[in-house]
Structure formats: structure tokens, C-alpha cells
Amino acid sequence: MKLSLFKLGVVLIIIGIMWIGIIFNGTEKTQDVFQIKQSNSVESKIKLSGEEIGFYKIYLPEFLGEQVFIQILNTQGNVIQEEKIQTKMSVGYFDFTDDGTYTMKVTNISKNMIEVQTEFGNTSSQEMIPAGILVMIGCITVLVMSYFKLANYNIAHPDEKIS
């Protein structure tokens, strides 16, 4: 079987994406499910270390137009990010630089009691750099080989004009 550069590029992309998925799946994170009454809040905490990028995911399984307000608090209790969420699912990212316990505070600002599923943790983005480079090399290889294939492609033109 002949392995062309195009196929090699596709394989590199697939390997890189799988590598990123494995890294992200193994990160430190916490998952919770809460029932929140109107105007009440719940908190989720996680210990993070280093200088990285954190993430939070909010999912409202029985979404009927409800709204929640999210705050990410650093180790000193200061708000480093806040967002009003009006969709069934939302994902957000934040930078953290201090070692310690970070808090995600979820407040129900709708009129009904709602169920909220949360995920909160570290993206481990620094570990994903080699896998990202592998994906980028694969994409460039696929683009270059596609260009060469299209540049050498000739379209047959009829000799006569048919009316």
C-alpha cells in the first residue's frame, strides 16, 4: 500500500486530535449536579496550581429559557470572571496564576427551581502544545498536497459549443 503525503497528513491530524482528547480527559476537574431554588447560589471548588487556563461548563438539561449567573473566584475570593448564561449549555475559560482553591459560584436568576450540571477544572493547555503542533503539521500537509492535486487537474473542454 502506497502512503501518500495527503494520507500521512490526515493520519497526523487524527493522531493529534486523539492525543488532545486524551490529555483533556485526564485533567483535574470536578463535576456536580445541583437543584437551585430561585435567587439561591451553589459553589463548586477545585484546587489548581501553576499558570494555566481553567474552564467551566454549565449545562441546563431541562432548559426552558432559564438564566444563571456564574462567577469564578480566585484564591483570595476576588471575582476573575463572571457571565450571565441564557442558553442550554455554555463553556467558558479563565486564566489562573496562583496555586490554591478556585471557586465557581452559580446563582439562579430565573423564577423557577432549575437543575444545573457543572464541570470545573484545568484545561492542561501547556501539555497540548506538542499535539497541537502535530495537528498543524498535518493540516499544512493536507492543504499543500490538495493544492498540488488541484493545480495539476485539467478540465476537459468540448471542441464545439452546443446550443
Protein backbone atom coordinates (compact mmCIF):
# COMPACT_ATOMS: atom_id res chain seq x y z
CA MET A 1 0.00 0.00 0.00
CA LYS A 2 1.39 3.34 -1.05
CA LEU A 3 1.27 6.03 1.64
CA SER A 4 0.91 9.45 0.05
CA LEU A 5 1.71 12.73 1.82
CA PHE A 6 -2.00 13.54 1.78
CA LYS A 7 -2.85 10.35 3.71
CA LEU A 8 0.07 10.98 6.07
CA GLY A 9 -1.32 14.45 6.80
CA VAL A 10 -4.76 13.02 7.59
CA VAL A 11 -3.19 10.43 9.91
CA LEU A 12 -1.20 13.16 11.72
CA ILE A 13 -4.41 15.17 12.22
CA ILE A 14 -6.25 12.16 13.64
CA ILE A 15 -3.39 11.23 15.99
CA GLY A 16 -3.07 14.83 17.20
CA ILE A 17 -6.80 15.17 17.87
CA MET A 18 -6.88 11.89 19.79
CA TRP A 19 -3.83 12.99 21.80
CA ILE A 20 -5.55 16.28 22.73
CA GLY A 21 -8.69 14.38 23.75
CA ILE A 22 -6.72 12.03 25.99
CA ILE A 23 -4.94 14.95 27.67
CA PHE A 24 -8.18 16.87 28.22
CA ASN A 25 -9.94 13.79 29.58
CA GLY A 26 -7.17 13.28 32.16
CA THR A 27 -7.19 16.84 33.56
CA GLU A 28 -8.09 17.71 37.11
CA LYS A 29 -11.76 18.67 37.18
CA THR A 30 -14.86 18.40 39.30
CA GLN A 31 -18.39 17.59 38.16
CA ASP A 32 -21.56 18.34 40.14
CA VAL A 33 -25.34 18.31 39.70
CA PHE A 34 -27.37 20.87 41.66
CA GLN A 35 -31.05 21.72 42.18
CA ILE A 36 -31.08 25.50 42.71
CA LYS A 37 -34.09 27.41 44.00
CA GLN A 38 -34.90 30.93 42.83
CA SER A 39 -32.26 33.51 43.91
CA ASN A 40 -30.10 30.84 45.59
CA SER A 41 -26.45 30.04 44.88
CA VAL A 42 -24.26 26.97 44.95
CA GLU A 43 -20.48 26.68 44.85
CA SER A 44 -18.06 24.23 43.35
CA LYS A 45 -14.39 24.31 44.39
CA ILE A 46 -11.20 22.86 42.95
CA LYS A 47 -7.50 23.11 43.77
CA LEU A 48 -5.49 24.42 40.82
CA SER A 49 -1.76 25.00 40.55
CA GLY A 50 0.64 26.67 38.14
CA GLU A 51 -0.09 29.21 35.43
CA GLU A 52 -2.68 27.69 33.16
CA ILE A 53 -6.09 28.14 31.64
CA GLY A 54 -9.13 26.91 33.56
CA PHE A 55 -12.55 26.07 32.19
CA TYR A 56 -16.14 25.76 33.31
CA LYS A 57 -19.07 24.09 31.60
CA ILE A 58 -22.69 24.74 32.58
CA TYR A 59 -25.47 22.51 31.28
CA LEU A 60 -29.19 23.05 31.95
CA PRO A 61 -30.83 19.72 30.94
CA GLU A 62 -34.43 20.94 31.13
CA PHE A 63 -33.82 24.36 29.58
CA LEU A 64 -36.96 26.50 29.24
CA GLY A 65 -35.41 29.95 28.99
CA GLU A 66 -33.92 29.99 32.49
CA GLN A 67 -30.93 32.13 33.35
CA VAL A 68 -27.99 31.55 35.68
CA PHE A 69 -25.20 33.86 36.73
CA ILE A 70 -21.68 32.43 37.02
CA GLN A 71 -18.75 33.86 38.95
CA ILE A 72 -15.23 32.46 39.08
CA LEU A 73 -13.40 33.43 42.26
CA ASN A 74 -9.64 33.23 42.74
CA THR A 75 -7.83 32.04 45.88
CA GLN A 76 -8.41 35.37 47.66
CA GLY A 77 -12.15 35.38 46.84
CA ASN A 78 -11.88 38.04 44.13
CA VAL A 79 -14.04 37.69 41.01
CA ILE A 80 -11.84 36.94 37.99
CA GLN A 81 -14.68 36.20 35.58
CA GLU A 82 -18.45 36.44 35.54
CA GLU A 83 -21.09 35.65 32.97
CA LYS A 84 -24.87 35.58 32.63
CA ILE A 85 -25.89 32.37 30.88
CA GLN A 86 -29.14 32.16 28.92
CA THR A 87 -28.51 29.01 26.87
CA LYS A 88 -28.83 25.26 27.44
CA MET A 89 -25.06 24.80 27.57
CA SER A 90 -22.17 27.21 27.96
CA VAL A 91 -18.41 26.77 28.18
CA GLY A 92 -16.04 29.46 29.40
CA TYR A 93 -12.34 29.83 30.05
CA PHE A 94 -10.28 31.83 32.55
CA ASP A 95 -6.60 32.34 33.33
CA PHE A 96 -5.22 31.41 36.72
CA THR A 97 -1.76 32.17 38.08
CA ASP A 98 -1.88 31.40 41.80
CA ASP A 99 -1.81 27.99 43.44
CA GLY A 100 -4.85 27.33 45.61
CA THR A 101 -8.57 26.70 45.68
CA TYR A 102 -10.69 28.35 42.99
CA THR A 103 -14.46 28.63 43.31
CA MET A 104 -17.25 28.64 40.77
CA LYS A 105 -20.42 30.25 42.15
CA VAL A 106 -23.67 29.56 40.27
CA THR A 107 -26.71 31.73 41.05
CA ASN A 108 -30.23 31.01 39.79
CA ILE A 109 -31.64 34.32 38.49
CA SER A 110 -34.76 32.79 36.94
CA LYS A 111 -38.18 32.45 38.58
CA ASN A 112 -38.22 28.64 38.79
CA MET A 113 -36.16 25.98 40.50
CA ILE A 114 -33.66 24.56 37.98
CA GLU A 115 -31.28 21.64 37.67
CA VAL A 116 -27.71 22.59 36.75
CA GLN A 117 -24.88 20.25 35.75
CA THR A 118 -21.43 21.81 36.17
CA GLU A 119 -17.88 20.89 35.24
CA PHE A 120 -14.98 22.98 36.52
CA GLY A 121 -11.24 22.46 36.20
CA ASN A 122 -7.91 22.85 34.43
CA THR A 123 -7.52 22.54 30.65
CA SER A 124 -3.84 21.47 30.85
CA SER A 125 -3.28 23.58 27.75
CA GLN A 126 0.52 23.57 28.10
CA GLU A 127 0.55 19.77 27.70
CA MET A 128 -1.48 20.09 24.48
CA ILE A 129 1.14 22.15 22.61
CA PRO A 130 3.00 19.16 21.04
CA ALA A 131 -0.31 17.60 19.97
CA GLY A 132 -1.43 20.95 18.53
CA ILE A 133 1.80 21.22 16.54
CA LEU A 134 1.19 17.70 15.20
CA VAL A 135 -2.32 18.70 14.07
CA MET A 136 -0.96 21.88 12.48
CA ILE A 137 1.71 19.95 10.53
CA GLY A 138 -0.97 17.51 9.34
CA CYS A 139 -3.28 20.35 8.23
CA ILE A 140 -0.49 22.11 6.33
CA THR A 141 0.47 18.85 4.62
CA VAL A 142 -3.14 18.20 3.58
CA LEU A 143 -3.54 21.77 2.27
CA VAL A 144 -0.29 21.71 0.28
CA MET A 145 -1.00 18.31 -1.25
CA SER A 146 -4.57 19.37 -2.11
CA TYR A 147 -3.22 22.49 -3.81
CA PHE A 148 -0.80 20.45 -5.93
CA LYS A 149 -3.53 17.98 -6.90
CA LEU A 150 -5.88 20.80 -7.91
CA ALA A 151 -3.16 22.75 -9.74
CA ASN A 152 -2.42 19.72 -11.95
CA TYR A 153 -6.09 18.92 -12.57
CA ASN A 154 -7.29 19.66 -16.10
CA ILE A 155 -10.91 20.07 -17.02
CA ALA A 156 -11.93 18.70 -20.38
CA HIS A 157 -13.47 21.33 -22.64
CA PRO A 158 -15.66 20.40 -25.59
CA ASP A 159 -14.41 21.37 -29.01
CA GLU A 160 -17.73 22.77 -30.10
CA LYS A 161 -20.22 24.96 -28.42
CA ILE A 162 -23.51 23.11 -28.04
CA SER A 163 -26.65 25.23 -28.14
